[in-house]
């Protein structure tokens, strides 16, 4: 992480103070700011963009895996 980290979705810089809320996508080896995450979550057309659709799928899989592990521990 450097001071010049950019959000993959918005293209805007992510300041060091904003990195705690940022999320990483392994598929594109890139960071996504809170603003970028909100776009992915709230824009119904985001999934129409092939790259953004891949990120949504990646995170859905990660969260499903996490949920299944959590459920087993209950």
Protein backbone atom coordinates (compact mmCIF):
# COMPACT_ATOMS: atom_id res chain seq x y z
CA UNK A 1 0.00 0.00 0.00
CA UNK A 2 1.30 3.39 -0.92
CA UNK A 3 -0.06 6.90 -0.76
CA UNK A 4 -0.89 6.49 -4.43
CA UNK A 5 -3.20 3.49 -4.16
CA UNK A 6 -6.13 3.97 -6.53
CA UNK A 7 -9.61 2.50 -6.37
CA UNK A 8 -10.11 -0.01 -9.19
CA UNK A 9 -13.77 1.01 -9.59
CA UNK A 10 -13.65 4.80 -9.27
CA UNK A 11 -10.06 5.47 -10.28
CA UNK A 12 -9.78 7.91 -7.38
CA UNK A 13 -6.86 7.75 -4.93
CA UNK A 14 -7.47 5.93 -1.67
CA UNK A 15 -5.87 7.90 1.14
CA UNK A 16 -3.98 6.01 3.85
CA UNK A 17 -6.69 7.01 6.34
CA UNK A 18 -9.31 5.32 4.09
CA UNK A 19 -7.45 2.03 3.60
CA UNK A 20 -9.07 0.41 6.65
CA UNK A 21 -12.42 0.38 4.86
CA UNK A 22 -10.99 -0.57 1.47
CA UNK A 23 -11.32 -4.10 0.13
CA UNK A 24 -8.88 -6.06 -2.02
CA UNK A 25 -9.73 -8.02 -5.15
CA UNK A 26 -7.28 -10.84 -5.85
CA UNK A 27 -8.66 -11.30 -9.35
CA UNK A 28 -7.33 -7.89 -10.41
CA UNK A 29 -4.69 -7.42 -7.68
CA UNK A 30 -6.30 -4.09 -6.82
CA UNK A 31 -7.96 -2.17 -4.02
CA UNK A 32 -11.54 -0.89 -3.97
CA UNK A 33 -12.54 2.03 -1.75
CA UNK A 34 -15.73 2.22 0.30
CA UNK A 35 -17.17 4.41 -2.45
CA UNK A 36 -16.27 1.79 -5.07
CA UNK A 37 -17.80 -0.95 -2.93
CA UNK A 38 -21.03 1.07 -2.64
CA UNK A 39 -21.13 1.37 -6.42
CA UNK A 40 -20.75 -2.40 -6.80
CA UNK A 41 -23.41 -3.04 -4.17
CA UNK A 42 -25.99 -0.44 -5.21
CA UNK A 43 -25.65 -0.12 -8.98
CA UNK A 44 -27.75 -2.82 -10.65
CA UNK A 45 -25.80 -2.31 -13.88
CA UNK A 46 -22.39 -2.90 -12.24
CA UNK A 47 -22.70 -6.61 -12.99
CA UNK A 48 -23.03 -5.77 -16.69
CA UNK A 49 -19.40 -4.62 -16.76
CA UNK A 50 -17.35 -7.82 -17.24
CA UNK A 51 -14.58 -6.76 -14.84
CA UNK A 52 -16.94 -5.56 -12.11
CA UNK A 53 -19.00 -8.74 -12.51
CA UNK A 54 -15.86 -10.80 -11.83
CA UNK A 55 -15.23 -8.85 -8.62
CA UNK A 56 -18.82 -9.32 -7.47
CA UNK A 57 -18.54 -13.07 -8.13
CA UNK A 58 -15.16 -13.28 -6.34
CA UNK A 59 -16.48 -11.56 -3.22
CA UNK A 60 -19.74 -13.53 -3.23
CA UNK A 61 -17.73 -16.76 -3.25
CA UNK A 62 -15.44 -15.55 -0.45
CA UNK A 63 -18.41 -14.50 1.69
CA UNK A 64 -20.22 -17.79 1.05
CA UNK A 65 -17.10 -19.73 2.08
CA UNK A 66 -16.82 -17.61 5.23
CA UNK A 67 -20.51 -18.11 6.03
CA UNK A 68 -20.28 -21.88 5.60
CA UNK A 69 -17.26 -22.04 7.94
CA UNK A 70 -19.04 -19.86 10.50
CA UNK A 71 -22.18 -22.00 10.25
CA UNK A 72 -20.17 -25.18 10.93
CA UNK A 73 -18.69 -23.64 14.06
CA UNK A 74 -22.12 -22.90 15.57
